[in-house]
Amino acid sequence: MAIILKAKCRIFEPNYRIIRAQFDLERGKEAFGEYIVVNLLRERGVLQDERWYRFIIEPLTNHKA
């Protein structure tokens, strides 16, 4: 089963090859906002500030923990 998250990008530390970005997750019923902070190489694609992105989280294997 996959988890799909929608998040708005905020680039706060562009560098020569590495971009540090914060993705603010779309708010649901939670009282507090959640976010994801990532460092990405520019070769992975061009991020755009204030644009919405989709994150899909799914297990790599089918075994249960």
PDB file of N, CA and C in Angstrom:
ATOM      1  N   MET A   1       0.844  -1.174   0.000  1.00  0.00           N
ATOM      2  CA  MET A   1       0.000   0.000   0.000  1.00  0.00           C
ATOM      3  C   MET A   1       0.892   1.241   0.000  1.00  0.00           C
ATOM      4  N   ALA A   2       0.640   2.160  -0.882  1.00  0.00           N
ATOM      5  CA  ALA A   2       1.451   3.370  -1.013  1.00  0.00           C
ATOM      6  C   ALA A   2       0.801   4.533  -0.276  1.00  0.00           C
ATOM      7  N   ILE A   3       1.629   5.442   0.196  1.00  0.00           N
ATOM      8  CA  ILE A   3       1.172   6.696   0.786  1.00  0.00           C
ATOM      9  C   ILE A   3       1.469   7.795  -0.229  1.00  0.00           C
ATOM     10  N   ILE A   4       0.472   8.574  -0.571  1.00  0.00           N
ATOM     11  CA  ILE A   4       0.656   9.660  -1.535  1.00  0.00           C
ATOM     12  C   ILE A   4       0.479  10.984  -0.793  1.00  0.00           C
ATOM     13  N   LEU A   5       1.488  11.850  -0.898  1.00  0.00           N
ATOM     14  CA  LEU A   5       1.471  13.143  -0.222  1.00  0.00           C
ATOM     15  C   LEU A   5       1.558  14.255  -1.252  1.00  0.00           C
ATOM     16  N   LYS A   6       0.850  15.345  -1.002  1.00  0.00           N
ATOM     17  CA  LYS A   6       0.923  16.525  -1.853  1.00  0.00           C
ATOM     18  C   LYS A   6       1.622  17.612  -1.040  1.00  0.00           C
ATOM     19  N   ALA A   7       2.630  18.267  -1.636  1.00  0.00           N
ATOM     20  CA  ALA A   7       3.409  19.250  -0.888  1.00  0.00           C
ATOM     21  C   ALA A   7       3.828  20.407  -1.777  1.00  0.00           C
ATOM     22  N   LYS A   8       3.896  21.610  -1.156  1.00  0.00           N
ATOM     23  CA  LYS A   8       4.344  22.806  -1.871  1.00  0.00           C
ATOM     24  C   LYS A   8       5.826  23.023  -1.611  1.00  0.00           C
ATOM     25  N   CYS A   9       6.580  23.285  -2.661  1.00  0.00           N
ATOM     26  CA  CYS A   9       8.031  23.436  -2.579  1.00  0.00           C
ATOM     27  C   CYS A   9       8.403  24.854  -2.133  1.00  0.00           C
ATOM     28  N   ARG A  10       9.383  24.922  -1.224  1.00  0.00           N
ATOM     29  CA  ARG A  10       9.999  26.196  -0.836  1.00  0.00           C
ATOM     30  C   ARG A  10      11.501  25.984  -0.892  1.00  0.00           C
ATOM     31  N   ILE A  11      12.149  26.545  -1.894  1.00  0.00           N
ATOM     32  CA  ILE A  11      13.599  26.421  -2.021  1.00  0.00           C
ATOM     33  C   ILE A  11      14.229  27.471  -1.129  1.00  0.00           C
ATOM     34  N   PHE A  12      15.026  27.025  -0.155  1.00  0.00           N
ATOM     35  CA  PHE A  12      15.609  28.002   0.752  1.00  0.00           C
ATOM     36  C   PHE A  12      17.125  28.014   0.759  1.00  0.00           C
ATOM     37  N   GLU A  13      17.759  27.122   0.015  1.00  0.00           N
ATOM     38  CA  GLU A  13      19.215  27.144  -0.041  1.00  0.00           C
ATOM     39  C   GLU A  13      19.714  26.558  -1.361  1.00  0.00           C
ATOM     40  N   PRO A  14      19.608  27.344  -2.453  1.00  0.00           N
ATOM     41  CA  PRO A  14      20.183  26.843  -3.702  1.00  0.00           C
ATOM     42  C   PRO A  14      21.705  26.934  -3.648  1.00  0.00           C
ATOM     43  N   ASN A  15      22.360  25.959  -4.218  1.00  0.00           N
ATOM     44  CA  ASN A  15      23.812  25.926  -4.233  1.00  0.00           C
ATOM     45  C   ASN A  15      24.242  25.568  -5.657  1.00  0.00           C
ATOM     46  N   TYR A  16      25.523  25.431  -5.860  1.00  0.00           N
ATOM     47  CA  TYR A  16      26.022  25.132  -7.195  1.00  0.00           C
ATOM     48  C   TYR A  16      25.442  23.826  -7.741  1.00  0.00           C
ATOM     49  N   ARG A  17      25.570  22.743  -6.995  1.00  0.00           N
ATOM     50  CA  ARG A  17      25.085  21.441  -7.464  1.00  0.00           C
ATOM     51  C   ARG A  17      23.961  20.881  -6.612  1.00  0.00           C
ATOM     52  N   ILE A  18      23.823  21.362  -5.385  1.00  0.00           N
ATOM     53  CA  ILE A  18      22.837  20.803  -4.461  1.00  0.00           C
ATOM     54  C   ILE A  18      21.786  21.859  -4.128  1.00  0.00           C
ATOM     55  N   ILE A  19      20.534  21.446  -4.154  1.00  0.00           N
ATOM     56  CA  ILE A  19      19.428  22.326  -3.806  1.00  0.00           C
ATOM     57  C   ILE A  19      18.790  21.794  -2.525  1.00  0.00           C
ATOM     58  N   ARG A  20      18.733  22.626  -1.494  1.00  0.00           N
ATOM     59  CA  ARG A  20      18.018  22.239  -0.282  1.00  0.00           C
ATOM     60  C   ARG A  20      16.621  22.840  -0.370  1.00  0.00           C
ATOM     61  N   ALA A  21      15.617  21.999  -0.259  1.00  0.00           N
ATOM     62  CA  ALA A  21      14.237  22.459  -0.403  1.00  0.00           C
ATOM     63  C   ALA A  21      13.389  21.905   0.725  1.00  0.00           C
ATOM     64  N   GLN A  22      12.410  22.672   1.105  1.00  0.00           N
ATOM     65  CA  GLN A  22      11.423  22.215   2.082  1.00  0.00           C
ATOM     66  C   GLN A  22      10.104  22.065   1.352  1.00  0.00           C
ATOM     67  N   PHE A  23       9.443  20.938   1.579  1.00  0.00           N
ATOM     68  CA  PHE A  23       8.144  20.673   0.989  1.00  0.00           C
ATOM     69  C   PHE A  23       7.108  20.670   2.109  1.00  0.00           C
ATOM     70  N   ASP A  24       6.236  21.668   2.104  1.00  0.00           N
ATOM     71  CA  ASP A  24       5.176  21.767   3.109  1.00  0.00           C
ATOM     72  C   ASP A  24       4.003  20.912   2.660  1.00  0.00           C
ATOM     73  N   LEU A  25       3.680  19.913   3.472  1.00  0.00           N
ATOM     74  CA  LEU A  25       2.613  18.981   3.106  1.00  0.00           C
ATOM     75  C   LEU A  25       1.258  19.661   3.176  1.00  0.00           C
ATOM     76  N   GLU A  26       0.379  19.254   2.284  1.00  0.00           N
ATOM     77  CA  GLU A  26      -0.983  19.765   2.296  1.00  0.00           C
ATOM     78  C   GLU A  26      -1.617  19.407   3.632  1.00  0.00           C
ATOM     79  N   ARG A  27      -2.210  20.364   4.268  1.00  0.00           N
ATOM     80  CA  ARG A  27      -2.756  20.133   5.605  1.00  0.00           C
ATOM     81  C   ARG A  27      -4.014  19.292   5.561  1.00  0.00           C
ATOM     82  N   GLY A  28      -4.056  18.354   6.463  1.00  0.00           N
ATOM     83  CA  GLY A  28      -5.232  17.509   6.603  1.00  0.00           C
ATOM     84  C   GLY A  28      -5.952  17.889   7.882  1.00  0.00           C
ATOM     85  N   LYS A  29      -6.216  16.915   8.712  1.00  0.00           N
ATOM     86  CA  LYS A  29      -6.911  17.152   9.966  1.00  0.00           C
ATOM     87  C   LYS A  29      -5.951  17.405  11.127  1.00  0.00           C
ATOM     88  N   GLU A  30      -4.645  17.405  10.846  1.00  0.00           N
ATOM     89  CA  GLU A  30      -3.663  17.587  11.909  1.00  0.00           C
ATOM     90  C   GLU A  30      -3.680  19.025  12.405  1.00  0.00           C
ATOM     91  N   ALA A  31      -3.348  19.215  13.672  1.00  0.00           N
ATOM     92  CA  ALA A  31      -3.259  20.554  14.250  1.00  0.00           C
ATOM     93  C   ALA A  31      -1.957  21.228  13.843  1.00  0.00           C
ATOM     94  N   PHE A  32      -0.912  20.440  13.578  1.00  0.00           N
ATOM     95  CA  PHE A  32       0.391  20.982  13.235  1.00  0.00           C
ATOM     96  C   PHE A  32       0.743  20.619  11.799  1.00  0.00           C
ATOM     97  N   GLY A  33       1.378  21.552  11.108  1.00  0.00           N
ATOM     98  CA  GLY A  33       1.802  21.286   9.738  1.00  0.00           C
ATOM     99  C   GLY A  33       3.000  20.349   9.709  1.00  0.00           C
ATOM    100  N   GLU A  34       3.107  19.555   8.682  1.00  0.00           N
ATOM    101  CA  GLU A  34       4.247  18.651   8.509  1.00  0.00           C
ATOM    102  C   GLU A  34       5.006  19.075   7.262  1.00  0.00           C
ATOM    103  N   TYR A  35       6.286  18.747   7.235  1.00  0.00           N
ATOM    104  CA  TYR A  35       7.095  19.111   6.084  1.00  0.00           C
ATOM    105  C   TYR A  35       8.205  18.098   5.884  1.00  0.00           C
ATOM    106  N   ILE A  36       8.781  18.124   4.693  1.00  0.00           N
ATOM    107  CA  ILE A  36       9.902  17.267   4.319  1.00  0.00           C
ATOM    108  C   ILE A  36      11.032  18.181   3.863  1.00  0.00           C
ATOM    109  N   VAL A  37      12.241  17.987   4.385  1.00  0.00           N
ATOM    110  CA  VAL A  37      13.403  18.752   3.940  1.00  0.00           C
ATOM    111  C   VAL A  37      14.341  17.789   3.226  1.00  0.00           C
ATOM    112  N   VAL A  38      14.745  18.138   2.003  1.00  0.00           N
ATOM    113  CA  VAL A  38      15.603  17.265   1.209  1.00  0.00           C
ATOM    114  C   VAL A  38      16.727  18.060   0.565  1.00  0.00           C
ATOM    115  N   ASN A  39      17.833  17.383   0.335  1.00  0.00           N
ATOM    116  CA  ASN A  39      18.930  17.899  -0.475  1.00  0.00           C
ATOM    117  C   ASN A  39      18.920  17.116  -1.779  1.00  0.00           C
ATOM    118  N   LEU A  40      18.799  17.801  -2.900  1.00  0.00           N
ATOM    119  CA  LEU A  40      18.736  17.144  -4.197  1.00  0.00           C
ATOM    120  C   LEU A  40      19.834  17.665  -5.106  1.00  0.00           C
ATOM    121  N   LEU A  41      20.390  16.787  -5.919  1.00  0.00           N
ATOM    122  CA  LEU A  41      21.327  17.215  -6.944  1.00  0.00           C
ATOM    123  C   LEU A  41      20.544  17.859  -8.084  1.00  0.00           C
ATOM    124  N   ARG A  42      21.109  18.879  -8.675  1.00  0.00           N
ATOM    125  CA  ARG A  42      20.435  19.562  -9.782  1.00  0.00           C
ATOM    126  C   ARG A  42      20.119  18.612 -10.937  1.00  0.00           C
ATOM    127  N   GLU A  43      20.931  17.550 -11.089  1.00  0.00           N
ATOM    128  CA  GLU A  43      20.717  16.608 -12.189  1.00  0.00           C
ATOM    129  C   GLU A  43      19.413  15.825 -12.037  1.00  0.00           C
ATOM    130  N   ARG A  44      18.817  15.824 -10.854  1.00  0.00           N
ATOM    131  CA  ARG A  44      17.562  15.094 -10.621  1.00  0.00           C
ATOM    132  C   ARG A  44      16.363  15.796 -11.234  1.00  0.00           C
ATOM    133  N   GLY A  45      16.530  17.035 -11.640  1.00  0.00           N
ATOM    134  CA  GLY A  45      15.423  17.799 -12.206  1.00  0.00           C
ATOM    135  C   GLY A  45      15.398  19.207 -11.638  1.00  0.00           C
ATOM    136  N   VAL A  46      14.618  20.050 -12.250  1.00  0.00           N
ATOM    137  CA  VAL A  46      14.544  21.442 -11.826  1.00  0.00           C
ATOM    138  C   VAL A  46      13.326  21.625 -10.935  1.00  0.00           C
ATOM    139  N   LEU A  47      13.568  22.038  -9.702  1.00  0.00           N
ATOM    140  CA  LEU A  47      12.473  22.341  -8.781  1.00  0.00           C
ATOM    141  C   LEU A  47      12.036  23.786  -8.986  1.00  0.00           C
ATOM    142  N   GLN A  48      10.769  24.040  -8.807  1.00  0.00           N
ATOM    143  CA  GLN A  48      10.258  25.403  -8.913  1.00  0.00           C
ATOM    144  C   GLN A  48       9.650  25.808  -7.587  1.00  0.00           C
ATOM    145  N   ASP A  49      10.067  26.964  -7.105  1.00  0.00           N
ATOM    146  CA  ASP A  49       9.579  27.489  -5.838  1.00  0.00           C
ATOM    147  C   ASP A  49       8.068  27.733  -5.907  1.00  0.00           C
ATOM    148  N   GLU A  50       7.367  27.395  -4.834  1.00  0.00           N
ATOM    149  CA  GLU A  50       5.918  27.579  -4.696  1.00  0.00           C
ATOM    150  C   GLU A  50       5.084  26.658  -5.586  1.00  0.00           C
ATOM    151  N   ARG A  51       5.707  25.677  -6.228  1.00  0.00           N
ATOM    152  CA  ARG A  51       4.956  24.723  -7.047  1.00  0.00           C
ATOM    153  C   ARG A  51       4.612  23.500  -6.206  1.00  0.00           C
ATOM    154  N   TRP A  52       3.492  22.850  -6.524  1.00  0.00           N
ATOM    155  CA  TRP A  52       3.070  21.648  -5.801  1.00  0.00           C
ATOM    156  C   TRP A  52       3.711  20.421  -6.418  1.00  0.00           C
ATOM    157  N   TYR A  53       4.125  19.478  -5.549  1.00  0.00           N
ATOM    158  CA  TYR A  53       4.727  18.220  -5.986  1.00  0.00           C
ATOM    159  C   TYR A  53       4.037  17.066  -5.279  1.00  0.00           C
ATOM    160  N   ARG A  54       4.152  15.879  -5.847  1.00  0.00           N
ATOM    161  CA  ARG A  54       3.560  14.673  -5.268  1.00  0.00           C
ATOM    162  C   ARG A  54       4.678  13.741  -4.825  1.00  0.00           C
ATOM    163  N   PHE A  55       4.577  13.231  -3.621  1.00  0.00           N
ATOM    164  CA  PHE A  55       5.500  12.235  -3.089  1.00  0.00           C
ATOM    165  C   PHE A  55       4.741  10.921  -2.947  1.00  0.00           C
ATOM    166  N   ILE A  56       5.331   9.857  -3.437  1.00  0.00           N
ATOM    167  CA  ILE A  56       4.740   8.526  -3.285  1.00  0.00           C
ATOM    168  C   ILE A  56       5.701   7.698  -2.443  1.00  0.00           C
ATOM    169  N   ILE A  57       5.204   7.195  -1.328  1.00  0.00           N
ATOM    170  CA  ILE A  57       6.024   6.386  -0.438  1.00  0.00           C
ATOM    171  C   ILE A  57       5.452   4.977  -0.440  1.00  0.00           C
ATOM    172  N   GLU A  58       6.285   4.027  -0.828  1.00  0.00           N
ATOM    173  CA  GLU A  58       5.842   2.642  -0.857  1.00  0.00           C
ATOM    174  C   GLU A  58       6.989   1.738  -0.427  1.00  0.00           C
ATOM    175  N   PRO A  59       6.684   0.587   0.138  1.00  0.00           N
ATOM    176  CA  PRO A  59       7.720  -0.324   0.598  1.00  0.00           C
ATOM    177  C   PRO A  59       8.514  -0.910  -0.580  1.00  0.00           C
ATOM    178  N   LEU A  60       9.780  -1.175  -0.331  1.00  0.00           N
ATOM    179  CA  LEU A  60      10.622  -1.788  -1.356  1.00  0.00           C
ATOM    180  C   LEU A  60      10.403  -3.287  -1.471  1.00  0.00           C
ATOM    181  N   THR A  61      10.015  -3.912  -0.378  1.00  0.00           N
ATOM    182  CA  THR A  61       9.770  -5.361  -0.381  1.00  0.00           C
ATOM    183  C   THR A  61       8.365  -5.636   0.120  1.00  0.00           C
ATOM    184  N   ASN A  62       7.902  -6.853  -0.061  1.00  0.00           N
ATOM    185  CA  ASN A  62       6.556  -7.219   0.344  1.00  0.00           C
ATOM    186  C   ASN A  62       6.474  -7.839   1.727  1.00  0.00           C
ATOM    187  N   HIS A  63       7.597  -7.938   2.454  1.00  0.00           N
ATOM    188  CA  HIS A  63       7.541  -8.581   3.768  1.00  0.00           C
ATOM    189  C   HIS A  63       7.010  -7.604   4.824  1.00  0.00           C
ATOM    190  N   LYS A  64       6.438  -8.171   5.885  1.00  0.00           N
ATOM    191  CA  LYS A  64       5.902  -7.361   6.982  1.00  0.00           C
ATOM    192  C   LYS A  64       6.932  -7.343   8.111  1.00  0.00           C
ATOM    193  N   ALA A  65       7.034  -6.196   8.753  1.00  0.00           N
ATOM    194  CA  ALA A  65       7.998  -6.056   9.865  1.00  0.00           C
ATOM    195  C   ALA A  65       7.446  -6.651  11.139  1.00  0.00           C
TER     196      ALA A  65
END
